[in-house]
Amino acid sequence: MKIRLRRDRKSGLLKITIAPENKALEDFFETEIQNDLALIDYILARLARDTGEEMEITGNAFSLILTETDYIISPLFDADAPAATGPREDFLHILGLWRARLARDGRKS
């Protein structure tokens, strides 16, 4: 999996491109995570407790479920769109890259 993170100069928003394409994951990060370092830290703290239970977070446009092995992203307002699933490790890898980028950008401000 190839991941490219960049900051859009006009909007100031962080954008992600994933190859092979994973539109649901891209949309989730760009919509729900965006510049929210506190949310990233909250997710990581909850996972660090490792209770073995599923973790669910409902955002503005998506619901995220993290199981021991997978992520499940479901759109909240598009009943026809299927849920996207994938390995939890992939989600956590992107989350770590996103966090590092936000931290780096914050130091430049």
N, C-alpha and C. Protein backbone atom coordinates (compact mmCIF):
# COMPACT_ATOMS: atom_id res chain seq x y z
N MET A 1 0.85 -1.17 0.00
CA MET A 1 0.00 0.00 0.00
C MET A 1 0.89 1.24 0.00
N LYS A 2 0.62 2.14 -0.92
CA LYS A 2 1.34 3.41 -0.98
C LYS A 2 0.43 4.51 -0.46
N ILE A 3 0.99 5.38 0.36
CA ILE A 3 0.21 6.45 0.97
C ILE A 3 0.92 7.77 0.72
N ARG A 4 0.15 8.76 0.25
CA ARG A 4 0.70 10.10 0.03
C ARG A 4 -0.17 11.09 0.81
N LEU A 5 0.46 11.83 1.71
CA LEU A 5 -0.21 12.88 2.45
C LEU A 5 0.32 14.22 1.97
N ARG A 6 -0.59 15.16 1.75
CA ARG A 6 -0.16 16.49 1.35
C ARG A 6 -1.17 17.50 1.89
N ARG A 7 -0.72 18.71 2.06
CA ARG A 7 -1.57 19.79 2.54
C ARG A 7 -2.01 20.61 1.33
N ASP A 8 -3.31 20.76 1.13
CA ASP A 8 -3.84 21.56 0.05
C ASP A 8 -3.55 23.03 0.35
N ARG A 9 -2.86 23.71 -0.54
CA ARG A 9 -2.43 25.10 -0.28
C ARG A 9 -3.60 26.07 -0.21
N LYS A 10 -4.65 25.83 -0.98
CA LYS A 10 -5.80 26.74 -0.97
C LYS A 10 -6.64 26.58 0.28
N SER A 11 -7.02 25.34 0.59
CA SER A 11 -7.93 25.09 1.71
C SER A 11 -7.21 24.92 3.04
N GLY A 12 -5.94 24.52 2.97
CA GLY A 12 -5.20 24.23 4.19
C GLY A 12 -5.50 22.86 4.76
N LEU A 13 -6.33 22.09 4.06
CA LEU A 13 -6.71 20.76 4.55
C LEU A 13 -5.71 19.70 4.13
N LEU A 14 -5.59 18.68 4.97
CA LEU A 14 -4.71 17.55 4.67
C LEU A 14 -5.46 16.61 3.72
N LYS A 15 -4.78 16.16 2.68
CA LYS A 15 -5.34 15.25 1.68
C LYS A 15 -4.52 13.97 1.67
N ILE A 16 -5.18 12.87 1.36
CA ILE A 16 -4.50 11.58 1.31
C ILE A 16 -4.84 10.88 0.00
N THR A 17 -3.85 10.21 -0.55
CA THR A 17 -4.05 9.34 -1.69
C THR A 17 -3.49 7.98 -1.31
N ILE A 18 -4.31 6.95 -1.49
CA ILE A 18 -3.90 5.59 -1.15
C ILE A 18 -3.93 4.76 -2.42
N ALA A 19 -2.87 3.99 -2.64
CA ALA A 19 -2.82 3.06 -3.78
C ALA A 19 -2.49 1.67 -3.25
N PRO A 20 -3.26 0.66 -3.62
CA PRO A 20 -4.43 0.76 -4.46
C PRO A 20 -5.52 1.61 -3.79
N GLU A 21 -6.35 2.21 -4.65
CA GLU A 21 -7.34 3.18 -4.17
C GLU A 21 -8.24 2.59 -3.08
N ASN A 22 -8.48 3.39 -2.06
CA ASN A 22 -9.40 3.03 -0.99
C ASN A 22 -10.16 4.31 -0.63
N LYS A 23 -11.19 4.60 -1.41
CA LYS A 23 -11.92 5.86 -1.29
C LYS A 23 -12.55 6.02 0.09
N ALA A 24 -13.10 4.97 0.64
CA ALA A 24 -13.75 5.08 1.96
C ALA A 24 -12.74 5.47 3.03
N LEU A 25 -11.56 4.88 2.99
CA LEU A 25 -10.52 5.20 3.97
C LEU A 25 -10.01 6.63 3.75
N GLU A 26 -9.82 7.00 2.50
CA GLU A 26 -9.40 8.38 2.20
C GLU A 26 -10.44 9.38 2.71
N ASP A 27 -11.71 9.13 2.40
CA ASP A 27 -12.78 10.03 2.83
C ASP A 27 -12.88 10.09 4.36
N PHE A 28 -12.72 8.94 5.01
CA PHE A 28 -12.79 8.92 6.47
C PHE A 28 -11.73 9.84 7.08
N PHE A 29 -10.50 9.68 6.65
CA PHE A 29 -9.42 10.49 7.22
C PHE A 29 -9.59 11.97 6.90
N GLU A 30 -9.99 12.27 5.66
CA GLU A 30 -10.14 13.67 5.27
C GLU A 30 -11.35 14.33 5.93
N THR A 31 -12.36 13.55 6.28
CA THR A 31 -13.58 14.10 6.87
C THR A 31 -13.56 14.04 8.39
N GLU A 32 -13.28 12.88 8.93
CA GLU A 32 -13.41 12.68 10.38
C GLU A 32 -12.15 13.06 11.16
N ILE A 33 -10.99 12.76 10.63
CA ILE A 33 -9.74 13.01 11.36
C ILE A 33 -9.22 14.42 11.07
N GLN A 34 -9.07 14.74 9.80
CA GLN A 34 -8.54 16.01 9.30
C GLN A 34 -7.45 16.60 10.20
N ASN A 35 -7.71 17.66 10.92
CA ASN A 35 -6.68 18.31 11.74
C ASN A 35 -6.85 18.02 13.23
N ASP A 36 -7.56 16.94 13.55
CA ASP A 36 -7.93 16.66 14.94
C ASP A 36 -6.93 15.73 15.63
N LEU A 37 -5.85 16.31 16.09
CA LEU A 37 -4.82 15.55 16.80
C LEU A 37 -5.38 14.93 18.08
N ALA A 38 -6.31 15.62 18.73
CA ALA A 38 -6.92 15.10 19.97
C ALA A 38 -7.70 13.82 19.68
N LEU A 39 -8.40 13.75 18.55
CA LEU A 39 -9.14 12.54 18.20
C LEU A 39 -8.18 11.39 17.94
N ILE A 40 -7.11 11.66 17.25
CA ILE A 40 -6.11 10.61 17.01
C ILE A 40 -5.58 10.08 18.35
N ASP A 41 -5.22 10.98 19.24
CA ASP A 41 -4.71 10.56 20.54
C ASP A 41 -5.75 9.79 21.34
N TYR A 42 -7.02 10.18 21.22
CA TYR A 42 -8.11 9.46 21.90
C TYR A 42 -8.21 8.03 21.37
N ILE A 43 -8.19 7.87 20.05
CA ILE A 43 -8.26 6.53 19.46
C ILE A 43 -7.08 5.68 19.93
N LEU A 44 -5.88 6.24 19.88
CA LEU A 44 -4.69 5.49 20.30
C LEU A 44 -4.74 5.13 21.79
N ALA A 45 -5.24 6.04 22.61
CA ALA A 45 -5.34 5.76 24.05
C ALA A 45 -6.35 4.65 24.32
N ARG A 46 -7.47 4.68 23.63
CA ARG A 46 -8.46 3.61 23.81
C ARG A 46 -7.91 2.27 23.36
N LEU A 47 -7.17 2.28 22.27
CA LEU A 47 -6.58 1.02 21.79
C LEU A 47 -5.50 0.52 22.73
N ALA A 48 -4.79 1.44 23.38
CA ALA A 48 -3.71 1.05 24.29
C ALA A 48 -4.25 0.30 25.50
N ARG A 49 -5.51 0.57 25.87
CA ARG A 49 -6.12 -0.16 26.99
C ARG A 49 -6.35 -1.61 26.64
N ASP A 50 -6.45 -1.92 25.36
CA ASP A 50 -6.55 -3.28 24.82
C ASP A 50 -7.46 -4.18 25.65
N THR A 51 -8.74 -3.83 25.69
CA THR A 51 -9.72 -4.64 26.41
C THR A 51 -10.18 -5.84 25.60
N GLY A 52 -9.80 -5.88 24.33
CA GLY A 52 -10.22 -6.98 23.47
C GLY A 52 -11.61 -6.77 22.89
N GLU A 53 -12.26 -5.67 23.25
CA GLU A 53 -13.59 -5.37 22.74
C GLU A 53 -13.48 -4.51 21.49
N GLU A 54 -14.54 -4.54 20.70
CA GLU A 54 -14.60 -3.66 19.53
C GLU A 54 -14.67 -2.21 20.01
N MET A 55 -14.09 -1.33 19.23
CA MET A 55 -14.18 0.09 19.51
C MET A 55 -14.97 0.73 18.38
N GLU A 56 -15.97 1.53 18.74
CA GLU A 56 -16.77 2.21 17.73
C GLU A 56 -16.75 3.71 17.98
N ILE A 57 -16.56 4.46 16.91
CA ILE A 57 -16.61 5.92 16.97
C ILE A 57 -17.52 6.38 15.84
N THR A 58 -18.48 7.22 16.18
CA THR A 58 -19.36 7.79 15.17
C THR A 58 -18.99 9.24 14.98
N GLY A 59 -18.71 9.60 13.74
CA GLY A 59 -18.31 10.97 13.43
C GLY A 59 -19.39 11.73 12.71
N ASN A 60 -18.98 12.69 11.90
CA ASN A 60 -19.92 13.53 11.16
C ASN A 60 -20.51 12.83 9.95
N ALA A 61 -19.72 12.01 9.30
CA ALA A 61 -20.18 11.37 8.07
C ALA A 61 -19.98 9.86 8.05
N PHE A 62 -19.17 9.34 8.98
CA PHE A 62 -18.85 7.91 8.98
C PHE A 62 -18.88 7.34 10.39
N SER A 63 -19.07 6.05 10.44
CA SER A 63 -18.92 5.29 11.68
C SER A 63 -17.69 4.40 11.49
N LEU A 64 -16.87 4.32 12.51
CA LEU A 64 -15.67 3.49 12.48
C LEU A 64 -15.77 2.44 13.56
N ILE A 65 -15.56 1.19 13.18
CA ILE A 65 -15.44 0.10 14.15
C ILE A 65 -14.07 -0.51 13.97
N LEU A 66 -13.36 -0.64 15.08
CA LEU A 66 -12.07 -1.35 15.07
C LEU A 66 -12.23 -2.62 15.88
N THR A 67 -12.00 -3.75 15.22
CA THR A 67 -12.00 -5.03 15.92
C THR A 67 -10.54 -5.40 16.19
N GLU A 68 -10.33 -6.56 16.73
CA GLU A 68 -8.95 -6.98 16.98
C GLU A 68 -8.15 -7.12 15.69
N THR A 69 -8.84 -7.37 14.58
CA THR A 69 -8.12 -7.63 13.33
C THR A 69 -8.48 -6.69 12.18
N ASP A 70 -9.63 -6.02 12.25
CA ASP A 70 -10.12 -5.27 11.10
C ASP A 70 -10.61 -3.87 11.47
N TYR A 71 -10.73 -3.04 10.43
CA TYR A 71 -11.48 -1.78 10.56
C TYR A 71 -12.72 -1.92 9.68
N ILE A 72 -13.80 -1.26 10.08
CA ILE A 72 -15.03 -1.21 9.30
C ILE A 72 -15.47 0.25 9.28
N ILE A 73 -15.57 0.82 8.10
CA ILE A 73 -16.00 2.21 7.94
C ILE A 73 -17.32 2.19 7.19
N SER A 74 -18.34 2.76 7.83
CA SER A 74 -19.68 2.81 7.24
C SER A 74 -20.12 4.25 7.08
N PRO A 75 -20.58 4.63 5.88
CA PRO A 75 -21.11 5.98 5.71
C PRO A 75 -22.43 6.11 6.46
N LEU A 76 -22.65 7.26 7.09
CA LEU A 76 -23.85 7.46 7.88
C LEU A 76 -25.05 7.89 7.04
N PHE A 77 -24.81 8.56 5.93
CA PHE A 77 -25.91 9.16 5.19
C PHE A 77 -26.11 8.60 3.79
N ASP A 78 -25.40 7.56 3.43
CA ASP A 78 -25.55 6.93 2.12
C ASP A 78 -25.88 5.46 2.33
N ALA A 79 -27.16 5.17 2.41
CA ALA A 79 -27.60 3.81 2.70
C ALA A 79 -27.20 2.81 1.61
N ASP A 80 -26.95 3.31 0.40
CA ASP A 80 -26.59 2.42 -0.70
C ASP A 80 -25.10 2.08 -0.73
N ALA A 81 -24.31 2.87 -0.04
CA ALA A 81 -22.85 2.63 -0.04
C ALA A 81 -22.52 1.51 0.94
N PRO A 82 -21.76 0.53 0.48
CA PRO A 82 -21.39 -0.56 1.39
C PRO A 82 -20.31 -0.11 2.38
N ALA A 83 -20.24 -0.81 3.48
CA ALA A 83 -19.17 -0.56 4.45
C ALA A 83 -17.85 -1.00 3.83
N ALA A 84 -16.80 -0.29 4.18
CA ALA A 84 -15.45 -0.65 3.71
C ALA A 84 -14.73 -1.34 4.87
N THR A 85 -14.04 -2.40 4.57
CA THR A 85 -13.30 -3.12 5.59
C THR A 85 -11.87 -3.36 5.14
N GLY A 86 -11.01 -3.58 6.12
CA GLY A 86 -9.62 -3.87 5.82
C GLY A 86 -8.88 -4.21 7.10
N PRO A 87 -7.62 -4.53 6.97
CA PRO A 87 -6.82 -4.89 8.14
C PRO A 87 -6.65 -3.70 9.10
N ARG A 88 -6.83 -3.96 10.36
CA ARG A 88 -6.66 -2.94 11.40
C ARG A 88 -5.26 -2.32 11.32
N GLU A 89 -4.26 -3.13 10.99
CA GLU A 89 -2.89 -2.62 10.90
C GLU A 89 -2.77 -1.53 9.85
N ASP A 90 -3.49 -1.67 8.74
CA ASP A 90 -3.47 -0.63 7.70
C ASP A 90 -4.02 0.68 8.24
N PHE A 91 -5.16 0.60 8.94
CA PHE A 91 -5.76 1.80 9.52
C PHE A 91 -4.79 2.45 10.51
N LEU A 92 -4.20 1.65 11.38
CA LEU A 92 -3.29 2.20 12.40
C LEU A 92 -2.02 2.77 11.78
N HIS A 93 -1.56 2.18 10.69
CA HIS A 93 -0.39 2.70 9.98
C HIS A 93 -0.69 4.11 9.45
N ILE A 94 -1.84 4.26 8.79
CA ILE A 94 -2.23 5.57 8.27
C ILE A 94 -2.44 6.56 9.41
N LEU A 95 -3.07 6.11 10.48
CA LEU A 95 -3.31 6.98 11.63
C LEU A 95 -1.98 7.51 12.18
N GLY A 96 -0.97 6.65 12.25
CA GLY A 96 0.35 7.08 12.72
C GLY A 96 1.00 8.08 11.79
N LEU A 97 0.89 7.85 10.48
CA LEU A 97 1.44 8.79 9.50
C LEU A 97 0.71 10.13 9.59
N TRP A 98 -0.61 10.07 9.73
CA TRP A 98 -1.42 11.29 9.81
C TRP A 98 -1.03 12.09 11.05
N ARG A 99 -0.87 11.38 12.18
CA ARG A 99 -0.49 12.04 13.43
C ARG A 99 0.87 12.71 13.30
N ALA A 100 1.82 12.01 12.70
CA ALA A 100 3.16 12.57 12.53
C ALA A 100 3.12 13.81 11.64
N ARG A 101 2.30 13.78 10.60
CA ARG A 101 2.19 14.93 9.70
C ARG A 101 1.58 16.13 10.43
N LEU A 102 0.52 15.90 11.22
CA LEU A 102 -0.09 16.99 11.98
C LEU A 102 0.89 17.56 12.98
N ALA A 103 1.63 16.70 13.64
CA ALA A 103 2.61 17.17 14.63
C ALA A 103 3.70 18.00 13.94
N ARG A 104 4.15 17.53 12.79
CA ARG A 104 5.18 18.25 12.03
C ARG A 104 4.66 19.60 11.55
N ASP A 105 3.44 19.62 11.02
CA ASP A 105 2.84 20.87 10.55
C ASP A 105 2.63 21.84 11.71
N GLY A 106 2.29 21.33 12.87
CA GLY A 106 2.07 22.17 14.04
C GLY A 106 3.35 22.87 14.50
N ARG A 107 4.47 22.21 14.32
CA ARG A 107 5.76 22.81 14.69
C ARG A 107 6.15 23.94 13.74
N LYS A 108 5.61 23.91 12.51
CA LYS A 108 5.94 24.94 11.52
C LYS A 108 5.14 26.23 11.77
N SER A 109 4.00 26.10 12.45
CA SER A 109 3.13 27.26 12.66
C SER A 109 3.76 28.32 13.54
